[in-house]
Amino acid sequence: MTRTSEKRHWDAFWASSGHVEDIYANDGRIVEFLAERVDLRGGRVLEVGAGTGRDAAALGERGAEVWTLDYSEESLRLMRENLGGSVRIVCGDALALPLATGTFDVVYHQGLLEHFRDPGALLAENRRVLRPGGWLLVDVPQRFHYYTLIKRALIRMDRWFAGWETEFSPGRLRALVRDAGFEVEAMYGCNLYPPVWYRGMRRVLLGRGLRLPMNLPGTSWLAPLGRRLRAALPERIRLGTSMVIGCLGRKREA
């Protein structure tokens, strides 16, 4: 049986997530990475597969006109309840965006590309709605990490919350972005804090009525220390040992 990631998985996931404050954010990595490299002021930005949309709200605070898109009613509900009127929220299919060609300066997504059997189709649609010279940021799980082993085991047992997903090596992600019509400008790699095993355990226990703190008590110093240590590593090692990698590309002229 070929497993897929379907709308029903995401409706169930977001419906079971409770309050938005019980859902882990992206630790600011996407906002910081974009803000360091792209002039966001007055730019039109689109987040595809937005989930809670919290990164979008943060980009709006930096002067961008931000749009979010998702096809899960539960995701859209969370965004409407928590983002107010600062973000334009759209219901739509990531493979057939209900948006005009060449109208965005930045398109980005996190935790999305890995759920598509044909990632090139998603990247092509991202490219379509970008203006010439526009920016694409793709954030995905990195292949060579223990997260991959946990995930594949749960997928095999049909216990994975998203139904199915894959992962990417840094070289594969770079090639996908390049082949979709972008010049690769930069990449990043990072590990999550708290680690994924704690996040998973917390979610399981939360579903059983036991609430653990969002972060491991007494370990707040580990995240900044880890970032400093990883920053000192050669890029190839840093990317190849991260749980999450991101790739920033710029749309080539036709």
C-alpha atoms as a PDB file:
ATOM      1  CA  MET A   1       0.000   0.000   0.000  1.00  0.00           C
ATOM      2  CA  THR A   2       1.341   3.416  -1.003  1.00  0.00           C
ATOM      3  CA  ARG A   3       0.684   5.818   1.828  1.00  0.00           C
ATOM      4  CA  THR A   4      -0.122   9.464   1.225  1.00  0.00           C
ATOM      5  CA  SER A   5      -0.522  12.625   3.255  1.00  0.00           C
ATOM      6  CA  GLU A   6      -4.133  13.745   2.883  1.00  0.00           C
ATOM      7  CA  LYS A   7      -6.360  16.589   3.979  1.00  0.00           C
ATOM      8  CA  ARG A   8      -8.047  14.390   6.601  1.00  0.00           C
ATOM      9  CA  HIS A   9      -4.702  13.911   8.347  1.00  0.00           C
ATOM     10  CA  TRP A  10      -4.208  17.655   8.676  1.00  0.00           C
ATOM     11  CA  ASP A  11      -7.758  18.403   9.750  1.00  0.00           C
ATOM     12  CA  ALA A  12      -7.371  15.798  12.500  1.00  0.00           C
ATOM     13  CA  PHE A  13      -3.929  17.098  13.505  1.00  0.00           C
ATOM     14  CA  TRP A  14      -4.942  20.736  13.828  1.00  0.00           C
ATOM     15  CA  ALA A  15      -8.262  19.858  15.476  1.00  0.00           C
ATOM     16  CA  SER A  16      -6.438  17.843  18.144  1.00  0.00           C
ATOM     17  CA  SER A  17      -3.764  20.469  18.765  1.00  0.00           C
ATOM     18  CA  GLY A  18      -5.780  22.508  21.242  1.00  0.00           C
ATOM     19  CA  HIS A  19      -4.758  26.110  21.782  1.00  0.00           C
ATOM     20  CA  VAL A  20      -2.143  27.624  19.488  1.00  0.00           C
ATOM     21  CA  GLU A  21       0.160  28.122  22.484  1.00  0.00           C
ATOM     22  CA  ASP A  22       0.381  24.327  22.805  1.00  0.00           C
ATOM     23  CA  ILE A  23       1.803  24.072  19.278  1.00  0.00           C
ATOM     24  CA  TYR A  24       5.522  24.551  18.795  1.00  0.00           C
ATOM     25  CA  ALA A  25       6.546  27.524  16.689  1.00  0.00           C
ATOM     26  CA  ASN A  26       9.583  27.571  14.389  1.00  0.00           C
ATOM     27  CA  ASP A  27      11.922  29.287  16.871  1.00  0.00           C
ATOM     28  CA  GLY A  28      12.128  32.305  14.579  1.00  0.00           C
ATOM     29  CA  ARG A  29      14.499  30.600  12.135  1.00  0.00           C
ATOM     30  CA  ILE A  30      12.475  31.351   8.999  1.00  0.00           C
ATOM     31  CA  VAL A  31      11.743  34.961   9.902  1.00  0.00           C
ATOM     32  CA  GLU A  32      15.347  35.651  10.895  1.00  0.00           C
ATOM     33  CA  PHE A  33      16.811  33.969   7.817  1.00  0.00           C
ATOM     34  CA  LEU A  34      14.543  35.877   5.434  1.00  0.00           C
ATOM     35  CA  ALA A  35      14.944  39.208   7.208  1.00  0.00           C
ATOM     36  CA  GLU A  36      18.742  38.959   6.999  1.00  0.00           C
ATOM     37  CA  ARG A  37      18.721  38.451   3.222  1.00  0.00           C
ATOM     38  CA  VAL A  38      15.557  39.961   1.758  1.00  0.00           C
ATOM     39  CA  ASP A  39      14.113  43.469   2.003  1.00  0.00           C
ATOM     40  CA  LEU A  40      10.658  42.687   3.367  1.00  0.00           C
ATOM     41  CA  ARG A  41       9.358  46.238   3.703  1.00  0.00           C
ATOM     42  CA  GLY A  42       6.410  46.663   1.381  1.00  0.00           C
ATOM     43  CA  GLY A  43       6.998  43.249  -0.206  1.00  0.00           C
ATOM     44  CA  ARG A  44       4.173  40.802  -0.828  1.00  0.00           C
ATOM     45  CA  VAL A  45       4.860  37.488   0.942  1.00  0.00           C
ATOM     46  CA  LEU A  46       2.997  34.169   0.679  1.00  0.00           C
ATOM     47  CA  GLU A  47       3.215  31.262   3.128  1.00  0.00           C
ATOM     48  CA  VAL A  48       1.946  28.015   1.572  1.00  0.00           C
ATOM     49  CA  GLY A  49       0.649  25.302   3.913  1.00  0.00           C
ATOM     50  CA  ALA A  50       0.672  27.854   6.688  1.00  0.00           C
ATOM     51  CA  GLY A  51      -0.594  25.817   9.657  1.00  0.00           C
ATOM     52  CA  THR A  52      -0.839  28.349  12.490  1.00  0.00           C
ATOM     53  CA  GLY A  53       0.580  31.213  10.386  1.00  0.00           C
ATOM     54  CA  ARG A  54       2.722  32.587  13.205  1.00  0.00           C
ATOM     55  CA  ASP A  55       5.759  33.132  10.995  1.00  0.00           C
ATOM     56  CA  ALA A  56       3.536  35.080   8.616  1.00  0.00           C
ATOM     57  CA  ALA A  57       2.383  37.363  11.416  1.00  0.00           C
ATOM     58  CA  ALA A  58       6.003  38.017  12.424  1.00  0.00           C
ATOM     59  CA  LEU A  59       6.921  38.897   8.844  1.00  0.00           C
ATOM     60  CA  GLY A  60       3.985  41.293   8.732  1.00  0.00           C
ATOM     61  CA  GLU A  61       5.424  43.056  11.768  1.00  0.00           C
ATOM     62  CA  ARG A  62       8.567  43.656   9.699  1.00  0.00           C
ATOM     63  CA  GLY A  63       6.647  45.590   7.081  1.00  0.00           C
ATOM     64  CA  ALA A  64       5.586  42.908   4.586  1.00  0.00           C
ATOM     65  CA  GLU A  65       2.110  42.414   3.127  1.00  0.00           C
ATOM     66  CA  VAL A  66       1.575  38.789   4.098  1.00  0.00           C
ATOM     67  CA  TRP A  67      -0.792  36.156   2.724  1.00  0.00           C
ATOM     68  CA  THR A  68      -1.253  32.630   4.079  1.00  0.00           C
ATOM     69  CA  LEU A  69      -2.743  29.619   2.325  1.00  0.00           C
ATOM     70  CA  ASP A  70      -3.908  26.235   3.585  1.00  0.00           C
ATOM     71  CA  TYR A  71      -6.552  23.690   2.618  1.00  0.00           C
ATOM     72  CA  SER A  72      -7.304  22.412   6.118  1.00  0.00           C
ATOM     73  CA  GLU A  73     -10.390  24.006   7.643  1.00  0.00           C
ATOM     74  CA  GLU A  74      -8.904  23.478  11.092  1.00  0.00           C
ATOM     75  CA  SER A  75      -5.707  25.295  10.134  1.00  0.00           C
ATOM     76  CA  LEU A  76      -7.754  28.153   8.686  1.00  0.00           C
ATOM     77  CA  ARG A  77      -9.776  28.290  11.904  1.00  0.00           C
ATOM     78  CA  LEU A  78      -6.610  28.570  14.007  1.00  0.00           C
ATOM     79  CA  MET A  79      -5.303  31.379  11.830  1.00  0.00           C
ATOM     80  CA  ARG A  80      -8.572  33.312  11.893  1.00  0.00           C
ATOM     81  CA  GLU A  81      -8.747  33.001  15.672  1.00  0.00           C
ATOM     82  CA  ASN A  82      -5.148  34.041  16.310  1.00  0.00           C
ATOM     83  CA  LEU A  83      -3.888  36.284  13.504  1.00  0.00           C
ATOM     84  CA  GLY A  84      -6.625  38.896  13.463  1.00  0.00           C
ATOM     85  CA  GLY A  85      -6.674  41.118  10.404  1.00  0.00           C
ATOM     86  CA  SER A  86      -2.917  41.460   9.974  1.00  0.00           C
ATOM     87  CA  VAL A  87      -2.662  38.572   7.470  1.00  0.00           C
ATOM     88  CA  ARG A  88      -4.741  37.752   4.394  1.00  0.00           C
ATOM     89  CA  ILE A  89      -5.901  34.158   4.827  1.00  0.00           C
ATOM     90  CA  VAL A  90      -6.739  32.078   1.740  1.00  0.00           C
ATOM     91  CA  CYS A  91      -8.230  28.580   1.433  1.00  0.00           C
ATOM     92  CA  GLY A  92      -6.663  26.751  -1.472  1.00  0.00           C
ATOM     93  CA  ASP A  93      -4.680  23.886  -2.971  1.00  0.00           C
ATOM     94  CA  ALA A  94      -0.894  24.268  -2.942  1.00  0.00           C
ATOM     95  CA  LEU A  95      -0.734  22.595  -6.377  1.00  0.00           C
ATOM     96  CA  ALA A  96      -3.276  24.985  -7.921  1.00  0.00           C
ATOM     97  CA  LEU A  97      -2.905  28.277  -6.098  1.00  0.00           C
ATOM     98  CA  PRO A  98      -5.939  30.558  -6.540  1.00  0.00           C
ATOM     99  CA  LEU A  99      -3.559  33.465  -7.025  1.00  0.00           C
ATOM    100  CA  ALA A 100      -2.368  35.418 -10.032  1.00  0.00           C
ATOM    101  CA  THR A 101       0.906  34.688 -11.796  1.00  0.00           C
ATOM    102  CA  GLY A 102       3.909  36.811 -10.853  1.00  0.00           C
ATOM    103  CA  THR A 103       2.345  38.664  -7.937  1.00  0.00           C
ATOM    104  CA  PHE A 104       4.551  37.790  -4.936  1.00  0.00           C
ATOM    105  CA  ASP A 105       8.017  38.876  -3.916  1.00  0.00           C
ATOM    106  CA  VAL A 106       8.568  35.977  -1.494  1.00  0.00           C
ATOM    107  CA  VAL A 107       7.027  32.507  -1.227  1.00  0.00           C
ATOM    108  CA  TYR A 108       7.965  30.161   1.591  1.00  0.00           C
ATOM    109  CA  HIS A 109       6.836  26.981   3.295  1.00  0.00           C
ATOM    110  CA  GLN A 110       7.916  24.853   6.225  1.00  0.00           C
ATOM    111  CA  GLY A 111       6.990  21.212   6.756  1.00  0.00           C
ATOM    112  CA  LEU A 112       5.214  21.013   3.392  1.00  0.00           C
ATOM    113  CA  LEU A 113       7.423  19.806   0.531  1.00  0.00           C
ATOM    114  CA  GLU A 114       8.134  16.468   2.215  1.00  0.00           C
ATOM    115  CA  HIS A 115       4.466  15.467   1.968  1.00  0.00           C
ATOM    116  CA  PHE A 116       4.408  15.488  -1.854  1.00  0.00           C
ATOM    117  CA  ARG A 117       5.367  12.456  -3.942  1.00  0.00           C
ATOM    118  CA  ASP A 118       6.252  14.882  -6.761  1.00  0.00           C
ATOM    119  CA  PRO A 119       7.974  17.834  -5.079  1.00  0.00           C
ATOM    120  CA  GLY A 120       8.710  19.426  -8.431  1.00  0.00           C
ATOM    121  CA  ALA A 121       5.012  20.122  -9.018  1.00  0.00           C
ATOM    122  CA  LEU A 122       4.773  22.139  -5.812  1.00  0.00           C
ATOM    123  CA  LEU A 123       7.940  24.105  -6.570  1.00  0.00           C
ATOM    124  CA  ALA A 124       6.704  24.867 -10.092  1.00  0.00           C
ATOM    125  CA  GLU A 125       3.516  26.373  -8.676  1.00  0.00           C
ATOM    126  CA  ASN A 126       5.581  28.371  -6.176  1.00  0.00           C
ATOM    127  CA  ARG A 127       7.599  29.724  -9.078  1.00  0.00           C
ATOM    128  CA  ARG A 128       4.514  30.639 -11.078  1.00  0.00           C
ATOM    129  CA  VAL A 129       3.199  33.113  -8.509  1.00  0.00           C
ATOM    130  CA  LEU A 130       6.599  34.742  -7.934  1.00  0.00           C
ATOM    131  CA  ARG A 131       7.626  37.818  -9.841  1.00  0.00           C
ATOM    132  CA  PRO A 132      10.950  37.642 -11.787  1.00  0.00           C
ATOM    133  CA  GLY A 133      13.747  37.845  -9.238  1.00  0.00           C
ATOM    134  CA  GLY A 134      11.418  36.793  -6.419  1.00  0.00           C
ATOM    135  CA  TRP A 135      12.539  34.616  -3.521  1.00  0.00           C
ATOM    136  CA  LEU A 136      11.601  31.081  -2.501  1.00  0.00           C
ATOM    137  CA  LEU A 137      12.440  29.596   0.908  1.00  0.00           C
ATOM    138  CA  VAL A 138      11.906  25.858   1.439  1.00  0.00           C
ATOM    139  CA  ASP A 139      12.289  24.358   4.930  1.00  0.00           C
ATOM    140  CA  VAL A 140      12.270  20.534   5.235  1.00  0.00           C
ATOM    141  CA  PRO A 141      13.463  17.642   7.424  1.00  0.00           C
ATOM    142  CA  GLN A 142      17.026  16.546   6.712  1.00  0.00           C
ATOM    143  CA  ARG A 143      17.600  12.885   5.799  1.00  0.00           C
ATOM    144  CA  PHE A 144      20.539  11.865   7.992  1.00  0.00           C
ATOM    145  CA  HIS A 145      18.967  12.294  11.411  1.00  0.00           C
ATOM    146  CA  TYR A 146      17.383  10.002  13.998  1.00  0.00           C
ATOM    147  CA  TYR A 147      14.071  11.725  13.283  1.00  0.00           C
ATOM    148  CA  THR A 148      14.027   9.891   9.952  1.00  0.00           C
ATOM    149  CA  LEU A 149      14.268   6.493  11.660  1.00  0.00           C
ATOM    150  CA  ILE A 150      11.442   7.308  14.092  1.00  0.00           C
ATOM    151  CA  LYS A 151       9.241   8.656  11.331  1.00  0.00           C
ATOM    152  CA  ARG A 152       9.739   5.751   8.943  1.00  0.00           C
ATOM    153  CA  ALA A 153       8.934   3.239  11.667  1.00  0.00           C
ATOM    154  CA  LEU A 154       5.704   5.062  12.539  1.00  0.00           C
ATOM    155  CA  ILE A 155       4.729   5.360   8.866  1.00  0.00           C
ATOM    156  CA  ARG A 156       5.216   1.611   8.429  1.00  0.00           C
ATOM    157  CA  MET A 157       2.926   1.007  11.427  1.00  0.00           C
ATOM    158  CA  ASP A 158       0.389   3.542  10.052  1.00  0.00           C
ATOM    159  CA  ARG A 159       0.865   5.663  13.164  1.00  0.00           C
ATOM    160  CA  TRP A 160       2.366   8.786  11.591  1.00  0.00           C
ATOM    161  CA  PHE A 161       0.218  11.860  12.240  1.00  0.00           C
ATOM    162  CA  ALA A 162       0.588  13.137   8.659  1.00  0.00           C
ATOM    163  CA  GLY A 163       0.032   9.784   6.958  1.00  0.00           C
ATOM    164  CA  TRP A 164       3.268   9.938   4.956  1.00  0.00           C
ATOM    165  CA  GLU A 165       6.293  12.107   4.407  1.00  0.00           C
ATOM    166  CA  THR A 166       9.798  11.873   3.091  1.00  0.00           C
ATOM    167  CA  GLU A 167      13.006  13.826   3.798  1.00  0.00           C
ATOM    168  CA  PHE A 168      15.856  15.387   1.842  1.00  0.00           C
ATOM    169  CA  SER A 169      19.620  15.479   1.886  1.00  0.00           C
ATOM    170  CA  PRO A 170      21.135  18.953   1.476  1.00  0.00           C
ATOM    171  CA  GLY A 171      22.287  18.049  -2.035  1.00  0.00           C
ATOM    172  CA  ARG A 172      18.863  16.779  -3.059  1.00  0.00           C
ATOM    173  CA  LEU A 173      17.095  19.884  -1.761  1.00  0.00           C
ATOM    174  CA  ARG A 174      19.562  22.156  -3.516  1.00  0.00           C
ATOM    175  CA  ALA A 175      19.071  20.272  -6.785  1.00  0.00           C
ATOM    176  CA  LEU A 176      15.262  20.392  -6.549  1.00  0.00           C
ATOM    177  CA  VAL A 177      15.253  24.153  -6.028  1.00  0.00           C
ATOM    178  CA  ARG A 178      17.749  24.685  -8.845  1.00  0.00           C
ATOM    179  CA  ASP A 179      15.855  22.415 -11.260  1.00  0.00           C
ATOM    180  CA  ALA A 180      12.624  24.311 -10.509  1.00  0.00           C
ATOM    181  CA  GLY A 181      14.128  27.469 -12.023  1.00  0.00           C
ATOM    182  CA  PHE A 182      15.885  29.145  -9.090  1.00  0.00           C
ATOM    183  CA  GLU A 183      19.429  30.233  -8.340  1.00  0.00           C
ATOM    184  CA  VAL A 184      20.347  28.856  -4.927  1.00  0.00           C
ATOM    185  CA  GLU A 185      21.533  31.775  -2.800  1.00  0.00           C
ATOM    186  CA  ALA A 186      21.938  30.248   0.677  1.00  0.00           C
ATOM    187  CA  MET A 187      21.154  27.259   2.871  1.00  0.00           C
ATOM    188  CA  TYR A 188      20.855  26.693   6.609  1.00  0.00           C
ATOM    189  CA  GLY A 189      20.648  23.765   8.979  1.00  0.00           C
ATOM    190  CA  CYS A 190      19.458  23.602  12.560  1.00  0.00           C
ATOM    191  CA  ASN A 191      18.276  21.264  15.270  1.00  0.00           C
ATOM    192  CA  LEU A 192      15.093  21.807  17.220  1.00  0.00           C
ATOM    193  CA  TYR A 193      14.820  22.900  20.825  1.00  0.00           C
ATOM    194  CA  PRO A 194      13.404  21.100  22.671  1.00  0.00           C
ATOM    195  CA  PRO A 195      14.420  18.000  20.691  1.00  0.00           C
ATOM    196  CA  VAL A 196      11.908  16.109  18.610  1.00  0.00           C
ATOM    197  CA  TRP A 197      11.714  13.152  20.996  1.00  0.00           C
ATOM    198  CA  TYR A 198      10.507  15.467  23.778  1.00  0.00           C
ATOM    199  CA  ARG A 199       8.017  17.197  21.495  1.00  0.00           C
ATOM    200  CA  GLY A 200       6.567  13.859  20.442  1.00  0.00           C
ATOM    201  CA  MET A 201       6.325  12.586  23.992  1.00  0.00           C
ATOM    202  CA  ARG A 202       4.685  15.813  25.123  1.00  0.00           C
ATOM    203  CA  ARG A 203       2.068  15.605  22.379  1.00  0.00           C
ATOM    204  CA  VAL A 204       1.220  11.986  23.213  1.00  0.00           C
ATOM    205  CA  LEU A 205       0.835  12.784  26.904  1.00  0.00           C
ATOM    206  CA  LEU A 206      -1.149  15.935  26.145  1.00  0.00           C
ATOM    207  CA  GLY A 207      -3.646  13.771  24.304  1.00  0.00           C
ATOM    208  CA  ARG A 208      -4.005  11.714  27.472  1.00  0.00           C
ATOM    209  CA  GLY A 209      -4.595  14.715  29.676  1.00  0.00           C
ATOM    210  CA  LEU A 210      -1.062  15.106  31.057  1.00  0.00           C
ATOM    211  CA  ARG A 211       0.556  18.462  30.278  1.00  0.00           C
ATOM    212  CA  LEU A 212       4.342  18.725  30.307  1.00  0.00           C
ATOM    213  CA  PRO A 213       6.061  22.113  30.039  1.00  0.00           C
ATOM    214  CA  MET A 214       6.815  23.286  26.504  1.00  0.00           C
ATOM    215  CA  ASN A 215      10.550  23.165  27.227  1.00  0.00           C
ATOM    216  CA  LEU A 216      12.657  20.850  29.326  1.00  0.00           C
ATOM    217  CA  PRO A 217      13.143  22.616  32.694  1.00  0.00           C
ATOM    218  CA  GLY A 218      16.636  23.946  33.315  1.00  0.00           C
ATOM    219  CA  THR A 219      17.871  23.474  29.747  1.00  0.00           C
ATOM    220  CA  SER A 220      17.279  26.904  28.202  1.00  0.00           C
ATOM    221  CA  TRP A 221      21.056  27.395  27.925  1.00  0.00           C
ATOM    222  CA  LEU A 222      21.431  24.374  25.627  1.00  0.00           C
ATOM    223  CA  ALA A 223      19.810  25.946  22.555  1.00  0.00           C
ATOM    224  CA  PRO A 224      22.104  29.009  22.256  1.00  0.00           C
ATOM    225  CA  LEU A 225      25.139  26.878  23.085  1.00  0.00           C
ATOM    226  CA  GLY A 226      24.171  24.387  20.397  1.00  0.00           C
ATOM    227  CA  ARG A 227      23.756  27.154  17.829  1.00  0.00           C
ATOM    228  CA  ARG A 228      27.199  28.566  18.594  1.00  0.00           C
ATOM    229  CA  LEU A 229      28.846  25.168  18.355  1.00  0.00           C
ATOM    230  CA  ARG A 230      27.105  24.314  15.102  1.00  0.00           C
ATOM    231  CA  ALA A 231      27.995  27.679  13.584  1.00  0.00           C
ATOM    232  CA  ALA A 232      31.664  26.735  13.952  1.00  0.00           C
ATOM    233  CA  LEU A 233      31.268  23.565  11.870  1.00  0.00           C
ATOM    234  CA  PRO A 234      31.987  23.421   8.120  1.00  0.00           C
ATOM    235  CA  GLU A 235      28.772  23.906   6.145  1.00  0.00           C
ATOM    236  CA  ARG A 236      28.746  20.363   4.754  1.00  0.00           C
ATOM    237  CA  ILE A 237      28.870  18.850   8.236  1.00  0.00           C
ATOM    238  CA  ARG A 238      26.463  21.412   9.690  1.00  0.00           C
ATOM    239  CA  LEU A 239      23.840  20.752   7.031  1.00  0.00           C
ATOM    240  CA  GLY A 240      24.342  16.994   7.005  1.00  0.00           C
ATOM    241  CA  THR A 241      23.814  16.607  10.750  1.00  0.00           C
ATOM    242  CA  SER A 242      20.880  18.979  11.192  1.00  0.00           C
ATOM    243  CA  MET A 243      17.310  17.834  11.676  1.00  0.00           C
ATOM    244  CA  VAL A 244      15.943  20.695   9.571  1.00  0.00           C
ATOM    245  CA  ILE A 245      17.458  22.333   6.507  1.00  0.00           C
ATOM    246  CA  GLY A 246      16.350  25.327   4.497  1.00  0.00           C
ATOM    247  CA  CYS A 247      17.180  26.504   0.999  1.00  0.00           C
ATOM    248  CA  LEU A 248      16.735  30.043  -0.320  1.00  0.00           C
ATOM    249  CA  GLY A 249      16.477  30.459  -4.066  1.00  0.00           C
ATOM    250  CA  ARG A 250      15.907  33.394  -6.399  1.00  0.00           C
ATOM    251  CA  LYS A 251      13.691  33.019  -9.450  1.00  0.00           C
ATOM    252  CA  ARG A 252      15.681  33.057 -12.657  1.00  0.00           C
ATOM    253  CA  GLU A 253      14.571  35.320 -15.455  1.00  0.00           C
ATOM    254  CA  ALA A 254      12.565  33.505 -18.128  1.00  0.00           C
END
